[in-house]
């Protein structure tokens, strides 16, 4: 016969594995995603990947030829910024659909953390929480929960 605490741990672990698989699926979707944004004056068009990294720049018209270098540079920077933000928003929506609120999605989307790192941190936190519950269940704290 298993204890209620053991059953809760098993259930939590099964849910964790399901979420991890869902996140891997989202990461695969993101790896193939592209976002293209064209400047309002149509002088430049940029494409970013699912993480917001620049993968293509096009000049659909010859309007860029008459622009001052600083003007063209500013337009290019602003267009890339818009494309990156649009790509991040799309990615956030994908992740928010499968993750509990409060997780550090921005770091994941900027490439500062991988899903595995994020979940390793979550598992460490869970283990610490259940470690305290285990100590209490063994009578170390005087309270018996489970």
N, C-alpha and C. Protein backbone atom coordinates (compact mmCIF):
# COMPACT_ATOMS: atom_id res chain seq x y z
N UNK A 1 0.85 -1.18 0.00
CA UNK A 1 0.00 0.00 0.00
C UNK A 1 0.90 1.24 0.00
N UNK A 2 0.55 2.20 -0.82
CA UNK A 2 1.34 3.43 -0.90
C UNK A 2 0.76 4.50 0.00
N UNK A 3 1.61 5.43 0.39
CA UNK A 3 1.16 6.52 1.26
C UNK A 3 0.55 7.63 0.42
N UNK A 4 -0.30 8.45 1.03
CA UNK A 4 -0.88 9.58 0.30
C UNK A 4 0.18 10.53 -0.23
N UNK A 5 1.26 10.73 0.52
CA UNK A 5 2.34 11.60 0.06
C UNK A 5 3.00 11.03 -1.18
N UNK A 6 3.26 9.73 -1.19
CA UNK A 6 3.86 9.08 -2.34
C UNK A 6 2.95 9.22 -3.55
N UNK A 7 1.65 9.02 -3.36
CA UNK A 7 0.69 9.16 -4.46
C UNK A 7 0.70 10.58 -5.02
N UNK A 8 0.77 11.57 -4.14
CA UNK A 8 0.82 12.97 -4.60
C UNK A 8 2.10 13.24 -5.37
N UNK A 9 3.21 12.70 -4.91
CA UNK A 9 4.48 12.88 -5.61
C UNK A 9 4.42 12.24 -6.99
N UNK A 10 3.91 11.04 -7.07
CA UNK A 10 3.78 10.34 -8.36
C UNK A 10 2.88 11.13 -9.32
N UNK A 11 1.78 11.63 -8.82
CA UNK A 11 0.87 12.41 -9.65
C UNK A 11 1.54 13.70 -10.14
N UNK A 12 2.24 14.37 -9.24
CA UNK A 12 2.94 15.61 -9.60
C UNK A 12 4.01 15.32 -10.64
N UNK A 13 4.73 14.24 -10.48
CA UNK A 13 5.78 13.89 -11.45
C UNK A 13 5.18 13.58 -12.82
N UNK A 14 4.06 12.86 -12.84
CA UNK A 14 3.40 12.54 -14.11
C UNK A 14 2.93 13.82 -14.81
N UNK A 15 2.37 14.75 -14.05
CA UNK A 15 1.93 16.03 -14.62
C UNK A 15 3.13 16.83 -15.13
N UNK A 16 4.22 16.78 -14.38
CA UNK A 16 5.45 17.46 -14.78
C UNK A 16 5.95 16.92 -16.12
N UNK A 17 5.98 15.60 -16.28
CA UNK A 17 6.45 15.00 -17.53
C UNK A 17 5.54 15.38 -18.70
N UNK A 18 4.23 15.48 -18.47
CA UNK A 18 3.31 15.89 -19.52
C UNK A 18 3.60 17.32 -19.96
N UNK A 19 3.81 18.20 -18.99
CA UNK A 19 4.11 19.60 -19.30
C UNK A 19 5.44 19.73 -20.03
N UNK A 20 6.42 18.96 -19.61
CA UNK A 20 7.73 19.01 -20.25
C UNK A 20 7.61 18.60 -21.73
N UNK A 21 6.82 17.57 -22.00
CA UNK A 21 6.61 17.14 -23.38
C UNK A 21 5.88 18.22 -24.18
N UNK A 22 4.91 18.87 -23.55
CA UNK A 22 4.18 19.95 -24.24
C UNK A 22 5.12 21.11 -24.56
N UNK A 23 6.02 21.43 -23.65
CA UNK A 23 6.96 22.52 -23.89
C UNK A 23 7.91 22.16 -25.02
N UNK A 24 8.35 20.93 -25.07
CA UNK A 24 9.22 20.50 -26.17
C UNK A 24 8.50 20.67 -27.51
N UNK A 25 7.21 20.37 -27.53
CA UNK A 25 6.43 20.57 -28.76
C UNK A 25 6.35 22.03 -29.15
N UNK A 26 6.18 22.90 -28.16
CA UNK A 26 6.14 24.34 -28.43
C UNK A 26 7.49 24.82 -28.93
N UNK A 27 8.57 24.33 -28.34
CA UNK A 27 9.91 24.71 -28.80
C UNK A 27 10.12 24.29 -30.25
N UNK A 28 9.62 23.13 -30.63
CA UNK A 28 9.73 22.68 -32.02
C UNK A 28 8.94 23.60 -32.95
N UNK A 29 7.74 24.01 -32.51
CA UNK A 29 6.95 24.95 -33.30
C UNK A 29 7.71 26.26 -33.47
N UNK A 30 8.32 26.72 -32.40
CA UNK A 30 9.06 27.98 -32.45
C UNK A 30 10.27 27.89 -33.37
N UNK A 31 10.94 26.74 -33.38
CA UNK A 31 12.15 26.61 -34.19
C UNK A 31 11.84 26.74 -35.68
N UNK A 32 10.63 26.41 -36.07
CA UNK A 32 10.25 26.54 -37.48
C UNK A 32 9.47 27.81 -37.79
N UNK A 33 9.17 28.60 -36.77
CA UNK A 33 8.36 29.81 -36.96
C UNK A 33 9.20 30.95 -37.51
N UNK A 34 8.56 31.79 -38.30
CA UNK A 34 9.18 33.01 -38.82
C UNK A 34 8.16 34.14 -38.76
N UNK A 35 8.66 35.34 -38.51
CA UNK A 35 7.82 36.53 -38.50
C UNK A 35 8.47 37.55 -39.42
N UNK A 36 7.69 38.08 -40.35
CA UNK A 36 8.19 39.09 -41.27
C UNK A 36 7.43 40.38 -41.04
N UNK A 37 8.17 41.48 -40.92
CA UNK A 37 7.58 42.80 -40.74
C UNK A 37 8.16 43.73 -41.81
N UNK A 38 7.29 44.48 -42.44
CA UNK A 38 7.70 45.46 -43.44
C UNK A 38 7.48 46.85 -42.88
N UNK A 39 8.46 47.72 -43.07
CA UNK A 39 8.35 49.09 -42.59
C UNK A 39 7.16 49.78 -43.25
N UNK A 40 6.63 50.79 -42.58
CA UNK A 40 5.45 51.50 -43.11
C UNK A 40 5.69 52.08 -44.49
N UNK A 41 6.90 52.55 -44.72
CA UNK A 41 7.19 53.14 -46.05
C UNK A 41 7.62 52.08 -47.06
N UNK A 42 7.63 50.82 -46.66
CA UNK A 42 7.95 49.67 -47.50
C UNK A 42 9.39 49.67 -48.01
N UNK A 43 10.25 50.46 -47.38
CA UNK A 43 11.65 50.52 -47.82
C UNK A 43 12.45 49.31 -47.36
N UNK A 44 12.02 48.68 -46.27
CA UNK A 44 12.75 47.53 -45.74
C UNK A 44 11.77 46.52 -45.17
N UNK A 45 12.14 45.24 -45.31
CA UNK A 45 11.35 44.14 -44.76
C UNK A 45 12.33 43.20 -44.07
N UNK A 46 12.01 42.80 -42.83
CA UNK A 46 12.89 41.91 -42.09
C UNK A 46 12.13 40.68 -41.65
N UNK A 47 12.86 39.58 -41.52
CA UNK A 47 12.29 38.33 -41.04
C UNK A 47 13.13 37.84 -39.87
N UNK A 48 12.44 37.43 -38.81
CA UNK A 48 13.09 36.87 -37.63
C UNK A 48 12.56 35.46 -37.41
N UNK A 49 13.36 34.66 -36.71
CA UNK A 49 12.90 33.30 -36.40
C UNK A 49 12.01 33.31 -35.16
N UNK A 50 11.65 32.15 -34.68
CA UNK A 50 10.74 32.03 -33.54
C UNK A 50 11.28 32.62 -32.25
N UNK A 51 12.58 32.78 -32.15
CA UNK A 51 13.19 33.39 -30.96
C UNK A 51 13.42 34.88 -31.14
N UNK A 52 13.16 35.39 -32.34
CA UNK A 52 13.36 36.81 -32.59
C UNK A 52 14.71 37.13 -33.19
N UNK A 53 15.49 36.12 -33.55
CA UNK A 53 16.79 36.37 -34.16
C UNK A 53 16.62 36.70 -35.64
N UNK A 54 17.32 37.71 -36.09
CA UNK A 54 17.23 38.17 -37.47
C UNK A 54 17.74 37.11 -38.43
N UNK A 55 16.94 36.78 -39.45
CA UNK A 55 17.38 35.78 -40.43
C UNK A 55 17.35 36.29 -41.86
N UNK A 56 16.68 37.44 -42.09
CA UNK A 56 16.64 37.96 -43.46
C UNK A 56 16.29 39.45 -43.45
N UNK A 57 16.90 40.17 -44.39
CA UNK A 57 16.60 41.59 -44.61
C UNK A 57 16.41 41.76 -46.11
N UNK A 58 15.32 42.43 -46.48
CA UNK A 58 15.05 42.69 -47.90
C UNK A 58 14.68 44.15 -48.08
N UNK A 59 14.96 44.65 -49.25
CA UNK A 59 14.59 46.00 -49.64
C UNK A 59 13.63 45.87 -50.83
N UNK A 60 12.32 45.79 -50.56
CA UNK A 60 11.34 45.49 -51.60
C UNK A 60 11.20 46.58 -52.68
N UNK A 61 11.59 47.79 -52.34
CA UNK A 61 11.53 48.88 -53.32
C UNK A 61 12.90 49.55 -53.36
N UNK A 62 13.05 50.51 -54.22
CA UNK A 62 14.32 51.23 -54.29
C UNK A 62 14.30 52.48 -53.40
N UNK A 63 13.30 52.61 -52.56
CA UNK A 63 13.17 53.79 -51.69
C UNK A 63 14.38 53.97 -50.77
N UNK A 64 15.01 52.89 -50.40
CA UNK A 64 16.16 52.98 -49.49
C UNK A 64 17.31 53.77 -50.11
N UNK A 65 17.37 53.83 -51.44
CA UNK A 65 18.48 54.51 -52.14
C UNK A 65 18.46 56.02 -51.93
N UNK A 66 17.29 56.56 -51.67
CA UNK A 66 17.19 58.01 -51.50
C UNK A 66 17.19 58.42 -50.03
N UNK A 67 17.31 57.45 -49.15
CA UNK A 67 17.29 57.75 -47.72
C UNK A 67 18.69 58.08 -47.22
N UNK A 68 18.75 58.98 -46.26
CA UNK A 68 20.02 59.28 -45.61
C UNK A 68 20.45 58.03 -44.82
N UNK A 69 21.75 57.78 -44.68
CA UNK A 69 22.21 56.59 -43.96
C UNK A 69 21.61 56.47 -42.56
N UNK A 70 21.57 57.57 -41.82
CA UNK A 70 21.02 57.52 -40.46
C UNK A 70 19.52 57.18 -40.49
N UNK A 71 18.82 57.71 -41.47
CA UNK A 71 17.39 57.43 -41.61
C UNK A 71 17.15 55.95 -41.91
N UNK A 72 17.93 55.41 -42.84
CA UNK A 72 17.81 53.99 -43.19
C UNK A 72 18.17 53.11 -42.00
N UNK A 73 19.24 53.47 -41.31
CA UNK A 73 19.65 52.69 -40.13
C UNK A 73 18.55 52.70 -39.08
N UNK A 74 17.99 53.86 -38.80
CA UNK A 74 16.92 53.96 -37.82
C UNK A 74 15.71 53.14 -38.23
N UNK A 75 15.36 53.20 -39.50
CA UNK A 75 14.22 52.42 -40.01
C UNK A 75 14.48 50.93 -39.87
N UNK A 76 15.70 50.52 -40.18
CA UNK A 76 16.06 49.11 -40.07
C UNK A 76 16.00 48.64 -38.61
N UNK A 77 16.55 49.43 -37.71
CA UNK A 77 16.52 49.07 -36.29
C UNK A 77 15.08 48.98 -35.79
N UNK A 78 14.26 49.95 -36.13
CA UNK A 78 12.86 49.95 -35.68
C UNK A 78 12.08 48.76 -36.27
N UNK A 79 12.33 48.42 -37.50
CA UNK A 79 11.63 47.31 -38.14
C UNK A 79 12.04 45.98 -37.50
N UNK A 80 13.34 45.83 -37.22
CA UNK A 80 13.82 44.62 -36.55
C UNK A 80 13.21 44.54 -35.16
N UNK A 81 13.18 45.64 -34.43
CA UNK A 81 12.59 45.67 -33.09
C UNK A 81 11.12 45.24 -33.14
N UNK A 82 10.39 45.74 -34.10
CA UNK A 82 8.96 45.37 -34.23
C UNK A 82 8.81 43.88 -34.53
N UNK A 83 9.64 43.37 -35.41
CA UNK A 83 9.56 41.95 -35.76
C UNK A 83 9.90 41.07 -34.56
N UNK A 84 10.93 41.45 -33.82
CA UNK A 84 11.31 40.67 -32.64
C UNK A 84 10.20 40.68 -31.60
N UNK A 85 9.60 41.83 -31.39
CA UNK A 85 8.52 41.92 -30.40
C UNK A 85 7.31 41.07 -30.84
N UNK A 86 6.99 41.11 -32.12
CA UNK A 86 5.88 40.30 -32.63
C UNK A 86 6.17 38.81 -32.45
N UNK A 87 7.40 38.41 -32.73
CA UNK A 87 7.79 37.00 -32.57
C UNK A 87 7.71 36.60 -31.09
N UNK A 88 8.16 37.46 -30.19
CA UNK A 88 8.09 37.16 -28.75
C UNK A 88 6.65 37.02 -28.29
N UNK A 89 5.79 37.91 -28.77
CA UNK A 89 4.38 37.84 -28.37
C UNK A 89 3.75 36.53 -28.83
N UNK A 90 4.07 36.10 -30.05
CA UNK A 90 3.56 34.82 -30.54
C UNK A 90 4.06 33.67 -29.67
N UNK A 91 5.34 33.71 -29.34
CA UNK A 91 5.91 32.65 -28.51
C UNK A 91 5.30 32.66 -27.11
N UNK A 92 5.12 33.84 -26.54
CA UNK A 92 4.51 33.94 -25.21
C UNK A 92 3.12 33.31 -25.21
N UNK A 93 2.35 33.57 -26.24
CA UNK A 93 1.00 32.99 -26.31
C UNK A 93 1.07 31.47 -26.36
N UNK A 94 2.02 30.94 -27.12
CA UNK A 94 2.17 29.49 -27.19
C UNK A 94 2.49 28.92 -25.81
N UNK A 95 3.48 29.52 -25.15
CA UNK A 95 3.90 29.01 -23.85
C UNK A 95 2.85 29.25 -22.76
N UNK A 96 2.20 30.39 -22.79
CA UNK A 96 1.19 30.67 -21.77
C UNK A 96 0.04 29.69 -21.82
N UNK A 97 -0.19 29.10 -22.98
CA UNK A 97 -1.28 28.14 -23.11
C UNK A 97 -0.98 26.82 -22.40
N UNK A 98 0.29 26.55 -22.09
CA UNK A 98 0.63 25.26 -21.49
C UNK A 98 1.32 25.37 -20.13
N UNK A 99 1.75 26.58 -19.74
CA UNK A 99 2.49 26.74 -18.49
C UNK A 99 1.67 27.44 -17.43
N UNK A 100 1.96 27.15 -16.18
CA UNK A 100 1.30 27.89 -15.11
C UNK A 100 1.82 29.32 -15.08
N UNK A 101 1.02 30.25 -14.60
CA UNK A 101 1.47 31.64 -14.55
C UNK A 101 2.65 31.81 -13.59
N UNK A 102 3.48 32.82 -13.88
CA UNK A 102 4.58 33.15 -12.98
C UNK A 102 5.92 32.55 -13.36
N UNK A 103 5.97 31.72 -14.39
CA UNK A 103 7.26 31.17 -14.80
C UNK A 103 8.03 32.21 -15.62
N UNK A 104 9.37 32.15 -15.59
CA UNK A 104 10.19 33.16 -16.27
C UNK A 104 10.25 32.96 -17.79
N UNK A 105 9.13 33.22 -18.44
CA UNK A 105 9.07 33.00 -19.88
C UNK A 105 9.99 33.92 -20.66
N UNK A 106 10.18 35.14 -20.21
CA UNK A 106 11.02 36.08 -20.95
C UNK A 106 12.43 35.53 -21.11
N UNK A 107 13.00 34.96 -20.05
CA UNK A 107 14.35 34.40 -20.13
C UNK A 107 14.42 33.23 -21.08
N UNK A 108 13.38 32.43 -21.09
CA UNK A 108 13.31 31.30 -22.01
C UNK A 108 13.27 31.79 -23.45
N UNK A 109 12.47 32.79 -23.71
CA UNK A 109 12.31 33.29 -25.07
C UNK A 109 13.53 34.05 -25.58
N UNK A 110 14.28 34.64 -24.68
CA UNK A 110 15.50 35.35 -25.09
C UNK A 110 16.68 34.40 -25.24
N UNK A 111 16.48 33.13 -24.93
CA UNK A 111 17.55 32.16 -25.04
C UNK A 111 18.47 32.13 -23.83
N UNK A 112 18.10 32.83 -22.76
CA UNK A 112 18.91 32.85 -21.54
C UNK A 112 18.78 31.55 -20.76
N UNK A 113 17.66 30.86 -20.95
CA UNK A 113 17.41 29.59 -20.28
C UNK A 113 16.77 28.63 -21.27
N UNK A 114 17.02 27.35 -21.07
CA UNK A 114 16.33 26.34 -21.86
C UNK A 114 15.15 25.83 -21.03
N UNK A 115 14.25 25.13 -21.67
CA UNK A 115 13.13 24.55 -20.94
C UNK A 115 13.63 23.57 -19.90
N UNK A 116 14.68 22.81 -20.24
CA UNK A 116 15.23 21.86 -19.28
C UNK A 116 15.78 22.57 -18.05
N UNK A 117 16.48 23.69 -18.24
CA UNK A 117 17.00 24.45 -17.10
C UNK A 117 15.85 24.97 -16.23
N UNK A 118 14.83 25.50 -16.89
CA UNK A 118 13.69 26.03 -16.16
C UNK A 118 13.02 24.93 -15.34
N UNK A 119 12.85 23.75 -15.94
CA UNK A 119 12.21 22.67 -15.21
C UNK A 119 13.12 22.07 -14.16
N UNK A 120 14.43 22.06 -14.40
CA UNK A 120 15.35 21.61 -13.35
C UNK A 120 15.20 22.48 -12.11
N UNK A 121 15.10 23.80 -12.33
CA UNK A 121 14.91 24.71 -11.20
C UNK A 121 13.57 24.44 -10.51
N UNK A 122 12.54 24.19 -11.30
CA UNK A 122 11.23 23.90 -10.72
C UNK A 122 11.27 22.60 -9.93
N UNK A 123 11.94 21.58 -10.47
CA UNK A 123 12.04 20.30 -9.76
C UNK A 123 12.83 20.45 -8.47
N UNK A 124 13.88 21.26 -8.50
CA UNK A 124 14.66 21.49 -7.29
C UNK A 124 13.78 22.13 -6.22
N UNK A 125 12.98 23.08 -6.64
CA UNK A 125 12.07 23.73 -5.70
C UNK A 125 11.05 22.74 -5.14
N UNK A 126 10.52 21.90 -6.01
CA UNK A 126 9.54 20.89 -5.58
C UNK A 126 10.20 19.90 -4.63
N UNK A 127 11.40 19.46 -4.98
CA UNK A 127 12.10 18.52 -4.11
C UNK A 127 12.37 19.11 -2.74
N UNK A 128 12.74 20.38 -2.71
CA UNK A 128 12.96 21.04 -1.43
C UNK A 128 11.66 21.10 -0.62
N UNK A 129 10.56 21.38 -1.32
CA UNK A 129 9.27 21.43 -0.63
C UNK A 129 8.88 20.06 -0.08
N UNK A 130 9.04 19.03 -0.90
CA UNK A 130 8.68 17.69 -0.45
C UNK A 130 9.70 17.16 0.55
N UNK A 131 10.94 17.63 0.47
CA UNK A 131 11.95 17.24 1.47
C UNK A 131 11.52 17.69 2.85
N UNK A 132 10.96 18.89 2.92
CA UNK A 132 10.43 19.38 4.20
C UNK A 132 9.25 18.56 4.64
N UNK A 133 8.41 18.16 3.70
CA UNK A 133 7.24 17.33 4.03
C UNK A 133 7.68 15.96 4.51
N UNK A 134 8.76 15.41 3.89
CA UNK A 134 9.27 14.11 4.28
C UNK A 134 9.79 14.15 5.72
N UNK A 135 10.54 15.23 6.03
CA UNK A 135 11.06 15.38 7.39
C UNK A 135 9.91 15.46 8.40
N UNK A 136 8.86 16.17 8.07
CA UNK A 136 7.71 16.27 8.97
C UNK A 136 7.01 14.91 9.12
N UNK A 137 6.92 14.18 7.98
CA UNK A 137 6.25 12.87 8.02
C UNK A 137 7.04 11.89 8.87
N UNK A 138 8.36 12.03 8.94
CA UNK A 138 9.19 11.15 9.76
C UNK A 138 9.20 11.55 11.22
N UNK A 139 8.47 12.61 11.55
CA UNK A 139 8.36 13.02 12.95
C UNK A 139 9.42 14.01 13.37
N UNK A 140 10.20 14.53 12.45
CA UNK A 140 11.26 15.47 12.83
C UNK A 140 10.73 16.82 13.26
N UNK A 141 9.57 17.21 12.82
CA UNK A 141 9.06 18.53 13.18
C UNK A 141 7.89 18.46 14.15
N UNK A 142 7.47 17.28 14.49
CA UNK A 142 6.39 17.16 15.45
C UNK A 142 5.02 17.15 14.79
N UNK A 143 4.94 17.42 13.50
CA UNK A 143 3.66 17.43 12.80
C UNK A 143 3.67 16.28 11.79
N UNK A 144 2.60 15.54 11.72
CA UNK A 144 2.52 14.45 10.79
C UNK A 144 1.52 14.81 9.69
N UNK A 145 2.03 14.98 8.48
CA UNK A 145 1.17 15.31 7.34
C UNK A 145 1.29 14.20 6.33
N UNK A 146 0.29 14.07 5.48
CA UNK A 146 0.44 13.08 4.43
C UNK A 146 -0.80 12.49 4.14
